[in-house]
Amino acid sequence: MDGRELYKIYAPAVAKWIDWVHPVPFVAIDTYNRKPIVDWIDRKAIFLKEYQQDAAIFIDLPGKESIELGIDLAHNGYRPIPIFNGTDEQQGSQATTDTYLIESCLINGGEKLKNIKLENDANPAFLLDSYRTNRYRAKESIFDNSWDLYKQDIPSAEYFKQNGITRIIVVGSALQPDLKKIFLKFQERGMDIYITDGYLSPKKIILAKTIKERLEKEEI
């Protein structure tokens, strides 16, 4: 299966939300001859008792775990939407983010996803890499392929609400700064934000700007 074929599995032409599937890793799959990983884990979305018609999910775990959990959510009716945006280092180099593992794991996920029947309007489960903001470089020769999520990378709060989604569930150990910035605006537009570690039931959180953020905007 080449990158184009794999992309079409994650982004079938007739499905909703596919405009946000990022093509970057699928191009790299062909360029660098990625192979499936051998230690795929069939994770379970323990935090989710049933399909939530009014909720979109953002899985912010290490990339491999996000993809594995995303496939289980597909069995529960959600469409996995990969939004990985890290570029690959030159062959033989070290990098701050392991895009190789993500790209290889997308192959495994695609093989499973093609056998799962999803509704065209299935709610999205956006797949993120929690290591995306890792900018620590032990030495100058390490390639910095870190990245941030921006508001234009995902649907707007208005678009979510127009499509019946009023809640965001984040799966992760904490809300990272790039997500907080986006979801603070979502909250201001009437959407509720929840977080779970992947095991416990999602808990609603109230986001607020820090004093530093308010000073920067001259709000105080």
N, C-alpha and C. Protein backbone atom coordinates (compact mmCIF):
# COMPACT_ATOMS: atom_id res chain seq x y z
N MET A 1 0.84 -1.19 0.00
CA MET A 1 0.00 0.00 0.00
C MET A 1 0.88 1.25 0.00
N ASP A 2 0.68 2.14 -0.98
CA ASP A 2 1.50 3.35 -1.01
C ASP A 2 0.83 4.48 -0.24
N GLY A 3 1.51 5.60 -0.13
CA GLY A 3 1.01 6.71 0.66
C GLY A 3 -0.33 7.25 0.19
N ARG A 4 -0.53 7.30 -1.11
CA ARG A 4 -1.79 7.82 -1.65
C ARG A 4 -2.96 6.90 -1.27
N GLU A 5 -2.74 5.60 -1.41
CA GLU A 5 -3.80 4.64 -1.06
C GLU A 5 -4.12 4.72 0.42
N LEU A 6 -3.08 4.86 1.23
CA LEU A 6 -3.27 4.95 2.67
C LEU A 6 -4.02 6.23 3.04
N TYR A 7 -3.66 7.31 2.39
CA TYR A 7 -4.35 8.59 2.64
C TYR A 7 -5.84 8.46 2.37
N LYS A 8 -6.20 7.77 1.32
CA LYS A 8 -7.62 7.62 0.95
C LYS A 8 -8.38 6.79 1.97
N ILE A 9 -7.69 5.91 2.68
CA ILE A 9 -8.35 5.15 3.74
C ILE A 9 -8.72 6.06 4.89
N TYR A 10 -7.80 6.95 5.26
CA TYR A 10 -8.08 7.90 6.35
C TYR A 10 -8.96 9.06 5.88
N ALA A 11 -8.96 9.33 4.59
CA ALA A 11 -9.72 10.48 4.07
C ALA A 11 -10.55 10.07 2.85
N PRO A 12 -11.53 9.17 3.03
CA PRO A 12 -12.38 8.77 1.91
C PRO A 12 -13.20 9.96 1.40
N ALA A 13 -13.36 10.06 0.12
CA ALA A 13 -13.90 11.27 -0.52
C ALA A 13 -15.28 11.68 0.00
N VAL A 14 -16.11 10.74 0.41
CA VAL A 14 -17.49 11.07 0.76
C VAL A 14 -17.68 11.37 2.25
N ALA A 15 -16.62 11.26 3.04
CA ALA A 15 -16.76 11.41 4.49
C ALA A 15 -16.58 12.86 4.94
N LYS A 16 -17.25 13.18 6.04
CA LYS A 16 -17.09 14.50 6.66
C LYS A 16 -15.77 14.54 7.44
N TRP A 17 -15.23 15.73 7.64
CA TRP A 17 -14.04 16.02 8.44
C TRP A 17 -12.72 15.69 7.75
N ILE A 18 -12.76 15.10 6.57
CA ILE A 18 -11.52 14.65 5.93
C ILE A 18 -10.66 15.81 5.43
N ASP A 19 -11.24 17.01 5.31
CA ASP A 19 -10.45 18.16 4.87
C ASP A 19 -9.33 18.49 5.84
N TRP A 20 -9.41 17.95 7.04
CA TRP A 20 -8.39 18.26 8.06
C TRP A 20 -7.36 17.16 8.21
N VAL A 21 -7.43 16.10 7.42
CA VAL A 21 -6.38 15.08 7.44
C VAL A 21 -5.13 15.68 6.82
N HIS A 22 -4.03 15.74 7.57
CA HIS A 22 -2.81 16.35 7.06
C HIS A 22 -2.06 15.36 6.18
N PRO A 23 -1.67 15.76 4.97
CA PRO A 23 -1.02 14.84 4.03
C PRO A 23 0.46 14.58 4.30
N VAL A 24 1.09 15.41 5.15
CA VAL A 24 2.54 15.35 5.33
C VAL A 24 3.07 13.93 5.60
N PRO A 25 2.55 13.20 6.58
CA PRO A 25 3.13 11.87 6.85
C PRO A 25 2.91 10.86 5.74
N PHE A 26 1.85 11.03 4.97
CA PHE A 26 1.55 10.07 3.90
C PHE A 26 2.52 10.23 2.73
N VAL A 27 2.97 11.46 2.50
CA VAL A 27 3.99 11.69 1.48
C VAL A 27 5.30 11.04 1.91
N ALA A 28 5.63 11.16 3.19
CA ALA A 28 6.88 10.61 3.70
C ALA A 28 6.90 9.09 3.66
N ILE A 29 5.73 8.47 3.78
CA ILE A 29 5.66 7.00 3.76
C ILE A 29 6.25 6.47 2.46
N ASP A 30 5.98 7.14 1.35
CA ASP A 30 6.56 6.72 0.07
C ASP A 30 8.03 7.14 -0.05
N THR A 31 8.31 8.36 0.36
CA THR A 31 9.66 8.90 0.19
C THR A 31 10.70 8.09 0.94
N TYR A 32 10.34 7.65 2.15
CA TYR A 32 11.31 6.96 3.00
C TYR A 32 11.03 5.46 3.13
N ASN A 33 10.13 4.93 2.28
CA ASN A 33 9.86 3.49 2.27
C ASN A 33 9.52 2.95 3.66
N ARG A 34 8.57 3.60 4.31
CA ARG A 34 8.19 3.17 5.65
C ARG A 34 7.55 1.78 5.62
N LYS A 35 7.78 1.02 6.68
CA LYS A 35 7.22 -0.31 6.84
C LYS A 35 6.35 -0.34 8.09
N PRO A 36 5.37 -1.25 8.14
CA PRO A 36 4.54 -1.35 9.35
C PRO A 36 5.39 -1.68 10.58
N ILE A 37 4.96 -1.19 11.74
CA ILE A 37 5.65 -1.55 12.98
C ILE A 37 5.25 -2.96 13.40
N VAL A 38 6.04 -3.58 14.24
CA VAL A 38 5.76 -4.97 14.64
C VAL A 38 5.14 -5.06 16.03
N ASP A 39 5.13 -3.96 16.78
CA ASP A 39 4.63 -4.03 18.16
C ASP A 39 3.35 -3.22 18.35
N TRP A 40 2.46 -3.32 17.39
CA TRP A 40 1.15 -2.66 17.51
C TRP A 40 0.42 -3.18 18.74
N ILE A 41 -0.23 -2.27 19.48
CA ILE A 41 -1.00 -2.63 20.66
C ILE A 41 -2.47 -2.29 20.43
N ASP A 42 -3.35 -3.23 20.65
CA ASP A 42 -4.79 -2.98 20.52
C ASP A 42 -5.29 -2.31 21.80
N ARG A 43 -5.24 -0.99 21.80
CA ARG A 43 -5.66 -0.24 22.98
C ARG A 43 -7.19 -0.14 23.06
N LYS A 44 -7.69 0.14 24.23
CA LYS A 44 -9.12 0.25 24.44
C LYS A 44 -9.46 1.63 25.01
N ALA A 45 -10.51 2.23 24.46
CA ALA A 45 -10.97 3.53 24.92
C ALA A 45 -11.82 3.34 26.17
N ILE A 46 -11.16 3.05 27.28
CA ILE A 46 -11.87 2.73 28.53
C ILE A 46 -12.71 3.91 29.02
N PHE A 47 -12.25 5.11 28.71
CA PHE A 47 -12.94 6.31 29.20
C PHE A 47 -14.29 6.53 28.54
N LEU A 48 -14.56 5.85 27.44
CA LEU A 48 -15.76 6.10 26.64
C LEU A 48 -16.72 4.94 26.79
N LYS A 49 -17.88 5.18 27.39
CA LYS A 49 -18.86 4.11 27.57
C LYS A 49 -19.69 3.90 26.32
N GLU A 50 -19.93 4.96 25.57
CA GLU A 50 -20.73 4.86 24.35
C GLU A 50 -20.41 6.05 23.45
N TYR A 51 -20.83 5.95 22.19
CA TYR A 51 -20.62 7.02 21.22
C TYR A 51 -21.30 8.30 21.70
N GLN A 52 -20.57 9.40 21.66
CA GLN A 52 -21.08 10.69 22.12
C GLN A 52 -21.42 11.55 20.90
N GLN A 53 -22.69 11.70 20.62
CA GLN A 53 -23.13 12.39 19.42
C GLN A 53 -22.72 13.86 19.39
N ASP A 54 -22.55 14.46 20.57
CA ASP A 54 -22.25 15.89 20.63
C ASP A 54 -20.79 16.19 20.90
N ALA A 55 -19.91 15.17 20.76
CA ALA A 55 -18.51 15.36 21.15
C ALA A 55 -17.54 15.00 20.03
N ALA A 56 -16.49 15.82 19.92
CA ALA A 56 -15.33 15.50 19.10
C ALA A 56 -14.19 15.19 20.06
N ILE A 57 -13.30 14.30 19.64
CA ILE A 57 -12.22 13.85 20.51
C ILE A 57 -10.87 14.28 19.94
N PHE A 58 -9.98 14.74 20.81
CA PHE A 58 -8.60 15.05 20.45
C PHE A 58 -7.70 14.14 21.28
N ILE A 59 -7.01 13.21 20.62
CA ILE A 59 -6.13 12.29 21.33
C ILE A 59 -4.73 12.87 21.31
N ASP A 60 -4.27 13.34 22.48
CA ASP A 60 -2.96 13.99 22.58
C ASP A 60 -2.03 13.13 23.42
N LEU A 61 -1.68 11.99 22.84
CA LEU A 61 -0.76 11.03 23.44
C LEU A 61 0.46 10.90 22.53
N PRO A 62 1.52 10.21 22.97
CA PRO A 62 2.61 9.91 22.03
C PRO A 62 2.02 9.32 20.75
N GLY A 63 2.55 9.73 19.58
CA GLY A 63 1.93 9.45 18.29
C GLY A 63 1.46 8.03 18.09
N LYS A 64 2.28 7.05 18.41
CA LYS A 64 1.90 5.64 18.24
C LYS A 64 0.65 5.32 19.06
N GLU A 65 0.62 5.77 20.30
CA GLU A 65 -0.52 5.51 21.17
C GLU A 65 -1.78 6.20 20.64
N SER A 66 -1.62 7.40 20.10
CA SER A 66 -2.77 8.11 19.55
C SER A 66 -3.41 7.33 18.41
N ILE A 67 -2.57 6.80 17.53
CA ILE A 67 -3.09 6.04 16.39
C ILE A 67 -3.76 4.76 16.86
N GLU A 68 -3.13 4.06 17.78
CA GLU A 68 -3.71 2.81 18.29
C GLU A 68 -5.06 3.06 18.96
N LEU A 69 -5.14 4.11 19.77
CA LEU A 69 -6.40 4.42 20.43
C LEU A 69 -7.43 4.91 19.42
N GLY A 70 -6.97 5.65 18.40
CA GLY A 70 -7.87 6.13 17.37
C GLY A 70 -8.56 5.01 16.62
N ILE A 71 -7.84 3.91 16.40
CA ILE A 71 -8.44 2.76 15.72
C ILE A 71 -9.50 2.11 16.59
N ASP A 72 -9.26 2.03 17.89
CA ASP A 72 -10.31 1.49 18.76
C ASP A 72 -11.53 2.40 18.76
N LEU A 73 -11.31 3.70 18.73
CA LEU A 73 -12.45 4.63 18.67
C LEU A 73 -13.22 4.48 17.36
N ALA A 74 -12.52 4.07 16.31
CA ALA A 74 -13.21 3.79 15.05
C ALA A 74 -14.21 2.64 15.23
N HIS A 75 -13.82 1.65 16.02
CA HIS A 75 -14.75 0.56 16.32
C HIS A 75 -15.96 1.07 17.10
N ASN A 76 -15.79 2.20 17.78
CA ASN A 76 -16.88 2.82 18.54
C ASN A 76 -17.63 3.88 17.75
N GLY A 77 -17.30 4.02 16.46
CA GLY A 77 -18.06 4.93 15.61
C GLY A 77 -17.40 6.23 15.26
N TYR A 78 -16.18 6.50 15.77
CA TYR A 78 -15.49 7.75 15.48
C TYR A 78 -14.53 7.59 14.29
N ARG A 79 -14.39 8.65 13.51
CA ARG A 79 -13.46 8.61 12.39
C ARG A 79 -12.11 9.18 12.81
N PRO A 80 -11.03 8.39 12.76
CA PRO A 80 -9.70 8.92 13.10
C PRO A 80 -9.24 9.93 12.05
N ILE A 81 -8.83 11.10 12.51
CA ILE A 81 -8.36 12.17 11.62
C ILE A 81 -6.92 12.51 12.00
N PRO A 82 -5.92 11.95 11.31
CA PRO A 82 -4.52 12.26 11.64
C PRO A 82 -4.18 13.70 11.29
N ILE A 83 -3.68 14.45 12.27
CA ILE A 83 -3.28 15.83 12.01
C ILE A 83 -1.81 16.03 12.41
N PHE A 84 -1.01 14.98 12.19
CA PHE A 84 0.43 15.08 12.43
C PHE A 84 1.05 15.99 11.38
N ASN A 85 1.98 16.83 11.81
CA ASN A 85 2.53 17.82 10.88
C ASN A 85 4.05 17.95 10.99
N GLY A 86 4.70 16.92 11.54
CA GLY A 86 6.15 16.97 11.68
C GLY A 86 6.85 16.51 10.41
N THR A 87 7.91 17.18 10.05
CA THR A 87 8.67 16.81 8.86
C THR A 87 9.76 15.80 9.24
N ASP A 88 10.22 15.05 8.23
CA ASP A 88 11.22 14.01 8.47
C ASP A 88 12.64 14.58 8.42
N GLU A 89 13.47 14.04 9.27
CA GLU A 89 14.89 14.39 9.23
C GLU A 89 15.56 13.66 8.07
N GLN A 90 16.74 14.09 7.69
CA GLN A 90 17.49 13.38 6.67
C GLN A 90 17.88 12.01 7.18
N GLN A 91 17.97 11.06 6.28
CA GLN A 91 18.28 9.69 6.67
C GLN A 91 19.61 9.64 7.43
N GLY A 92 19.59 8.95 8.57
CA GLY A 92 20.79 8.83 9.38
C GLY A 92 20.94 9.90 10.44
N SER A 93 20.04 10.89 10.43
CA SER A 93 20.10 11.98 11.41
C SER A 93 19.19 11.70 12.60
N GLN A 94 19.39 12.45 13.67
CA GLN A 94 18.52 12.40 14.83
C GLN A 94 17.56 13.57 14.79
N ALA A 95 16.38 13.40 15.39
CA ALA A 95 15.39 14.47 15.39
C ALA A 95 14.71 14.55 16.75
N THR A 96 14.06 15.67 17.01
CA THR A 96 13.38 15.85 18.29
C THR A 96 12.05 15.10 18.33
N THR A 97 11.46 14.79 17.18
CA THR A 97 10.18 14.09 17.12
C THR A 97 10.32 12.85 16.23
N ASP A 98 9.78 11.73 16.69
CA ASP A 98 9.93 10.47 15.96
C ASP A 98 8.82 10.33 14.91
N THR A 99 8.99 10.98 13.78
CA THR A 99 7.99 10.88 12.72
C THR A 99 8.02 9.51 12.05
N TYR A 100 9.17 8.84 12.08
CA TYR A 100 9.26 7.51 11.48
C TYR A 100 8.24 6.57 12.13
N LEU A 101 8.18 6.58 13.45
CA LEU A 101 7.27 5.70 14.17
C LEU A 101 5.83 6.04 13.84
N ILE A 102 5.52 7.32 13.77
CA ILE A 102 4.15 7.75 13.44
C ILE A 102 3.75 7.26 12.05
N GLU A 103 4.62 7.48 11.09
CA GLU A 103 4.31 7.10 9.70
C GLU A 103 4.15 5.59 9.57
N SER A 104 5.00 4.84 10.23
CA SER A 104 4.90 3.38 10.18
C SER A 104 3.62 2.90 10.85
N CYS A 105 3.26 3.53 11.96
CA CYS A 105 2.06 3.13 12.69
C CYS A 105 0.79 3.49 11.91
N LEU A 106 0.84 4.55 11.11
CA LEU A 106 -0.30 4.88 10.26
C LEU A 106 -0.59 3.76 9.27
N ILE A 107 0.45 3.05 8.84
CA ILE A 107 0.26 1.92 7.93
C ILE A 107 -0.54 0.82 8.64
N ASN A 108 -0.11 0.46 9.86
CA ASN A 108 -0.84 -0.54 10.63
C ASN A 108 -2.30 -0.12 10.83
N GLY A 109 -2.47 1.15 11.23
CA GLY A 109 -3.81 1.65 11.47
C GLY A 109 -4.67 1.61 10.23
N GLY A 110 -4.09 1.96 9.08
CA GLY A 110 -4.83 1.95 7.83
C GLY A 110 -5.31 0.56 7.45
N GLU A 111 -4.46 -0.44 7.68
CA GLU A 111 -4.84 -1.82 7.38
C GLU A 111 -6.05 -2.24 8.20
N LYS A 112 -6.14 -1.76 9.42
CA LYS A 112 -7.28 -2.08 10.28
C LYS A 112 -8.49 -1.22 9.93
N LEU A 113 -8.23 0.06 9.66
CA LEU A 113 -9.32 0.99 9.41
C LEU A 113 -10.10 0.65 8.15
N LYS A 114 -9.44 0.10 7.14
CA LYS A 114 -10.12 -0.20 5.89
C LYS A 114 -11.17 -1.30 6.05
N ASN A 115 -11.10 -2.03 7.16
CA ASN A 115 -12.08 -3.09 7.42
C ASN A 115 -13.15 -2.68 8.42
N ILE A 116 -13.14 -1.42 8.83
CA ILE A 116 -14.12 -0.91 9.79
C ILE A 116 -15.13 -0.04 9.04
N LYS A 117 -16.40 -0.36 9.15
CA LYS A 117 -17.42 0.43 8.47
C LYS A 117 -17.81 1.62 9.33
N LEU A 118 -17.60 2.81 8.80
CA LEU A 118 -17.95 4.04 9.50
C LEU A 118 -19.00 4.82 8.74
N GLU A 119 -19.86 5.50 9.46
CA GLU A 119 -20.83 6.39 8.83
C GLU A 119 -20.09 7.57 8.21
N ASN A 120 -20.60 8.07 7.10
CA ASN A 120 -19.94 9.21 6.44
C ASN A 120 -19.88 10.44 7.33
N ASP A 121 -20.86 10.57 8.23
CA ASP A 121 -20.88 11.74 9.11
C ASP A 121 -20.40 11.41 10.52
N ALA A 122 -19.62 10.33 10.65
CA ALA A 122 -19.09 9.96 11.96
C ALA A 122 -18.31 11.11 12.58
N ASN A 123 -18.47 11.30 13.87
CA ASN A 123 -17.74 12.37 14.56
C ASN A 123 -16.23 12.09 14.52
N PRO A 124 -15.42 13.15 14.56
CA PRO A 124 -13.97 12.97 14.41
C PRO A 124 -13.25 12.67 15.72
N ALA A 125 -12.18 11.88 15.59
CA ALA A 125 -11.20 11.70 16.66
C ALA A 125 -9.87 12.15 16.08
N PHE A 126 -9.45 13.36 16.42
CA PHE A 126 -8.22 13.93 15.87
C PHE A 126 -7.00 13.32 16.57
N LEU A 127 -6.03 12.88 15.76
CA LEU A 127 -4.86 12.20 16.29
C LEU A 127 -3.67 13.16 16.32
N LEU A 128 -3.12 13.36 17.51
CA LEU A 128 -1.98 14.25 17.72
C LEU A 128 -0.80 13.47 18.31
N ASP A 129 0.37 14.07 18.25
CA ASP A 129 1.55 13.53 18.90
C ASP A 129 1.91 14.44 20.07
N SER A 130 1.82 13.93 21.29
CA SER A 130 2.10 14.78 22.46
C SER A 130 3.56 15.21 22.53
N TYR A 131 4.43 14.59 21.74
CA TYR A 131 5.84 14.98 21.69
C TYR A 131 6.10 16.08 20.66
N ARG A 132 5.04 16.59 20.04
CA ARG A 132 5.23 17.54 18.94
C ARG A 132 5.94 18.83 19.36
N THR A 133 5.80 19.21 20.63
CA THR A 133 6.42 20.46 21.10
C THR A 133 7.76 20.20 21.79
N ASN A 134 8.30 19.00 21.62
CA ASN A 134 9.61 18.68 22.21
C ASN A 134 10.70 19.41 21.43
N ARG A 135 11.23 20.47 22.00
CA ARG A 135 12.25 21.28 21.32
C ARG A 135 13.60 21.18 22.00
N TYR A 136 13.75 20.18 22.86
CA TYR A 136 15.03 20.00 23.54
C TYR A 136 16.02 19.35 22.59
N ARG A 137 17.13 19.98 22.37
CA ARG A 137 18.18 19.46 21.49
C ARG A 137 19.46 19.29 22.28
N ALA A 138 19.85 18.03 22.50
CA ALA A 138 21.06 17.76 23.28
C ALA A 138 22.31 18.25 22.57
N LYS A 139 22.24 18.35 21.25
CA LYS A 139 23.38 18.86 20.49
C LYS A 139 22.88 19.51 19.21
N GLU A 140 23.70 20.35 18.62
CA GLU A 140 23.30 21.15 17.47
C GLU A 140 22.90 20.30 16.26
N SER A 141 23.47 19.11 16.15
CA SER A 141 23.22 18.29 14.97
C SER A 141 21.83 17.65 14.96
N ILE A 142 21.11 17.71 16.09
CA ILE A 142 19.77 17.13 16.14
C ILE A 142 18.80 18.03 15.38
N PHE A 143 18.01 17.42 14.49
CA PHE A 143 17.07 18.15 13.65
C PHE A 143 15.82 18.48 14.45
N ASP A 144 15.46 19.75 14.51
CA ASP A 144 14.27 20.19 15.24
C ASP A 144 13.05 20.10 14.31
N ASN A 145 12.28 19.03 14.44
CA ASN A 145 11.07 18.90 13.63
C ASN A 145 9.82 18.98 14.51
N SER A 146 9.93 19.76 15.58
CA SER A 146 8.78 19.99 16.44
C SER A 146 7.75 20.86 15.71
N TRP A 147 6.54 20.85 16.23
CA TRP A 147 5.48 21.64 15.58
C TRP A 147 4.38 21.94 16.60
N ASP A 148 3.61 22.94 16.29
CA ASP A 148 2.47 23.34 17.12
C ASP A 148 1.19 23.20 16.32
N LEU A 149 0.10 23.04 17.04
CA LEU A 149 -1.21 23.03 16.40
C LEU A 149 -1.76 24.46 16.43
N TYR A 150 -2.27 24.92 15.29
CA TYR A 150 -2.86 26.25 15.19
C TYR A 150 -4.34 26.14 14.85
N LYS A 151 -5.06 27.23 15.08
CA LYS A 151 -6.51 27.19 14.91
C LYS A 151 -6.93 26.81 13.50
N GLN A 152 -6.10 27.15 12.50
CA GLN A 152 -6.45 26.82 11.11
C GLN A 152 -6.22 25.34 10.80
N ASP A 153 -5.60 24.62 11.73
CA ASP A 153 -5.33 23.19 11.51
C ASP A 153 -6.54 22.32 11.82
N ILE A 154 -7.55 22.89 12.46
CA ILE A 154 -8.73 22.12 12.85
C ILE A 154 -9.98 22.94 12.53
N PRO A 155 -11.15 22.31 12.57
CA PRO A 155 -12.39 23.08 12.33
C PRO A 155 -12.58 24.18 13.38
N SER A 156 -13.31 25.20 13.01
CA SER A 156 -13.61 26.29 13.95
C SER A 156 -14.70 25.85 14.92
N ALA A 157 -14.82 26.59 16.01
CA ALA A 157 -15.88 26.31 16.98
C ALA A 157 -17.24 26.41 16.31
N GLU A 158 -17.38 27.39 15.42
CA GLU A 158 -18.65 27.58 14.72
C GLU A 158 -18.98 26.37 13.85
N TYR A 159 -17.97 25.83 13.17
CA TYR A 159 -18.21 24.67 12.31
C TYR A 159 -18.59 23.46 13.14
N PHE A 160 -17.91 23.27 14.26
CA PHE A 160 -18.27 22.17 15.14
C PHE A 160 -19.73 22.29 15.56
N LYS A 161 -20.12 23.48 16.01
CA LYS A 161 -21.47 23.67 16.51
C LYS A 161 -22.51 23.51 15.42
N GLN A 162 -22.18 23.96 14.22
CA GLN A 162 -23.10 23.78 13.09
C GLN A 162 -23.35 22.30 12.79
N ASN A 163 -22.40 21.47 13.18
CA ASN A 163 -22.51 20.03 12.92
C ASN A 163 -22.87 19.25 14.19
N GLY A 164 -23.45 19.95 15.16
CA GLY A 164 -24.00 19.29 16.35
C GLY A 164 -22.99 18.95 17.43
N ILE A 165 -21.78 19.44 17.32
CA ILE A 165 -20.75 19.15 18.32
C ILE A 165 -20.56 20.35 19.24
N THR A 166 -20.83 20.14 20.51
CA THR A 166 -20.72 21.22 21.49
C THR A 166 -19.71 20.92 22.58
N ARG A 167 -19.09 19.74 22.52
CA ARG A 167 -18.11 19.35 23.53
C ARG A 167 -16.84 18.83 22.86
N ILE A 168 -15.72 19.17 23.47
CA ILE A 168 -14.41 18.65 23.06
C ILE A 168 -13.87 17.79 24.19
N ILE A 169 -13.48 16.57 23.87
CA ILE A 169 -12.86 15.69 24.86
C ILE A 169 -11.39 15.51 24.48
N VAL A 170 -10.50 15.91 25.36
CA VAL A 170 -9.06 15.76 25.14
C VAL A 170 -8.58 14.54 25.92
N VAL A 171 -7.89 13.65 25.23
CA VAL A 171 -7.28 12.49 25.88
C VAL A 171 -5.79 12.78 26.02
N GLY A 172 -5.33 12.93 27.26
CA GLY A 172 -3.92 13.25 27.48
C GLY A 172 -3.66 13.50 28.94
N SER A 173 -2.39 13.61 29.29
CA SER A 173 -2.02 13.82 30.69
C SER A 173 -2.27 15.25 31.14
N ALA A 174 -2.26 16.19 30.21
CA ALA A 174 -2.50 17.60 30.51
C ALA A 174 -2.85 18.32 29.22
N LEU A 175 -3.39 19.51 29.35
CA LEU A 175 -3.73 20.31 28.17
C LEU A 175 -2.50 21.12 27.78
N GLN A 176 -1.93 20.82 26.62
CA GLN A 176 -0.73 21.51 26.18
C GLN A 176 -1.05 22.95 25.76
N PRO A 177 -0.04 23.84 25.81
CA PRO A 177 -0.28 25.26 25.54
C PRO A 177 -0.95 25.55 24.20
N ASP A 178 -0.58 24.83 23.14
CA ASP A 178 -1.19 25.14 21.85
C ASP A 178 -2.68 24.78 21.84
N LEU A 179 -3.03 23.67 22.49
CA LEU A 179 -4.44 23.30 22.59
C LEU A 179 -5.20 24.27 23.50
N LYS A 180 -4.55 24.66 24.59
CA LYS A 180 -5.22 25.58 25.51
C LYS A 180 -5.57 26.89 24.80
N LYS A 181 -4.66 27.38 24.01
CA LYS A 181 -4.89 28.65 23.30
C LYS A 181 -6.09 28.55 22.38
N ILE A 182 -6.20 27.41 21.66
CA ILE A 182 -7.31 27.21 20.74
C ILE A 182 -8.61 27.01 21.49
N PHE A 183 -8.58 26.15 22.51
CA PHE A 183 -9.81 25.77 23.19
C PHE A 183 -10.32 26.85 24.14
N LEU A 184 -9.45 27.77 24.53
CA LEU A 184 -9.92 28.92 25.29
C LEU A 184 -10.90 29.73 24.44
N LYS A 185 -10.59 29.87 23.16
CA LYS A 185 -11.49 30.56 22.24
C LYS A 185 -12.77 29.76 22.03
N PHE A 186 -12.63 28.43 21.96
CA PHE A 186 -13.81 27.57 21.82
C PHE A 186 -14.74 27.77 23.02
N GLN A 187 -14.14 27.79 24.20
CA GLN A 187 -14.91 27.96 25.42
C GLN A 187 -15.66 29.29 25.40
N GLU A 188 -14.99 30.33 24.92
CA GLU A 188 -15.63 31.65 24.84
C GLU A 188 -16.81 31.64 23.87
N ARG A 189 -16.80 30.69 22.94
CA ARG A 189 -17.88 30.58 21.96
C ARG A 189 -18.92 29.54 22.36
N GLY A 190 -18.89 29.16 23.61
CA GLY A 190 -19.96 28.33 24.15
C GLY A 190 -19.73 26.83 24.10
N MET A 191 -18.51 26.39 23.81
CA MET A 191 -18.22 24.96 23.79
C MET A 191 -17.61 24.53 25.12
N ASP A 192 -17.93 23.32 25.55
CA ASP A 192 -17.39 22.77 26.79
C ASP A 192 -16.15 21.92 26.48
N ILE A 193 -15.15 22.01 27.35
CA ILE A 193 -13.90 21.28 27.17
C ILE A 193 -13.75 20.26 28.31
N TYR A 194 -13.47 19.02 27.94
CA TYR A 194 -13.28 17.95 28.91
C TYR A 194 -11.90 17.34 28.70
N ILE A 195 -11.38 16.71 29.75
CA ILE A 195 -10.10 16.03 29.63
C ILE A 195 -10.14 14.70 30.37
N THR A 196 -9.43 13.72 29.86
CA THR A 196 -9.31 12.41 30.49
C THR A 196 -7.91 11.86 30.22
N ASP A 197 -7.44 11.03 31.13
CA ASP A 197 -6.14 10.39 30.92
C ASP A 197 -6.26 9.15 30.03
N GLY A 198 -7.46 8.85 29.57
CA GLY A 198 -7.69 7.69 28.73
C GLY A 198 -8.32 6.54 29.50
N TYR A 199 -8.40 6.68 30.81
CA TYR A 199 -8.96 5.64 31.65
C TYR A 199 -10.18 6.14 32.42
N LEU A 200 -10.02 7.28 33.10
CA LEU A 200 -11.11 7.84 33.88
C LEU A 200 -12.11 8.57 32.99
N SER A 201 -13.32 8.73 33.49
CA SER A 201 -14.34 9.46 32.74
C SER A 201 -13.89 10.90 32.52
N PRO A 202 -14.17 11.48 31.36
CA PRO A 202 -13.76 12.86 31.09
C PRO A 202 -14.34 13.84 32.11
N LYS A 203 -13.51 14.78 32.54
CA LYS A 203 -13.92 15.81 33.49
C LYS A 203 -13.94 17.18 32.79
N LYS A 204 -14.98 17.93 33.03
CA LYS A 204 -15.07 19.27 32.44
C LYS A 204 -14.05 20.18 33.10
N ILE A 205 -13.37 20.99 32.29
CA ILE A 205 -12.39 21.94 32.82
C ILE A 205 -12.77 23.35 32.37
N ILE A 206 -12.42 24.31 33.18
CA ILE A 206 -12.66 25.71 32.86
C ILE A 206 -11.30 26.35 32.58
N LEU A 207 -11.13 26.85 31.37
CA LEU A 207 -9.86 27.44 30.97
C LEU A 207 -9.85 28.93 31.27
N ALA A 208 -8.69 29.43 31.65
CA ALA A 208 -8.54 30.86 31.92
C ALA A 208 -7.13 31.28 31.53
N LYS A 209 -6.99 32.53 31.14
CA LYS A 209 -5.67 33.05 30.79
C LYS A 209 -4.84 33.25 32.05
N THR A 210 -3.55 33.01 31.91
CA THR A 210 -2.63 33.29 33.01
C THR A 210 -2.45 34.81 33.12
N ILE A 211 -1.88 35.24 34.24
CA ILE A 211 -1.62 36.67 34.41
C ILE A 211 -0.68 37.17 33.30
N LYS A 212 0.32 36.35 32.95
CA LYS A 212 1.25 36.72 31.90
C LYS A 212 0.53 36.91 30.57
N GLU A 213 -0.38 35.99 30.26
CA GLU A 213 -1.13 36.09 29.01
C GLU A 213 -2.03 37.32 29.00
N ARG A 214 -2.62 37.64 30.15
CA ARG A 214 -3.48 38.82 30.23
C ARG A 214 -2.66 40.11 30.11
N LEU A 215 -1.47 40.10 30.70
CA LEU A 215 -0.60 41.27 30.57
C LEU A 215 -0.17 41.49 29.13
N GLU A 216 0.13 40.39 28.45
CA GLU A 216 0.55 40.50 27.06
C GLU A 216 -0.55 41.09 26.19
N LYS A 217 -1.80 40.81 26.55
CA LYS A 217 -2.93 41.35 25.80
C LYS A 217 -3.42 42.68 26.38
N GLU A 218 -2.69 43.17 27.39
CA GLU A 218 -3.03 44.43 28.06
C GLU A 218 -4.45 44.42 28.60
N GLU A 219 -4.82 43.27 29.18
CA GLU A 219 -6.17 43.13 29.76
C GLU A 219 -6.17 43.55 31.23
N ILE A 220 -4.96 43.66 31.83
CA ILE A 220 -4.89 44.14 33.22
C ILE A 220 -3.74 45.14 33.31
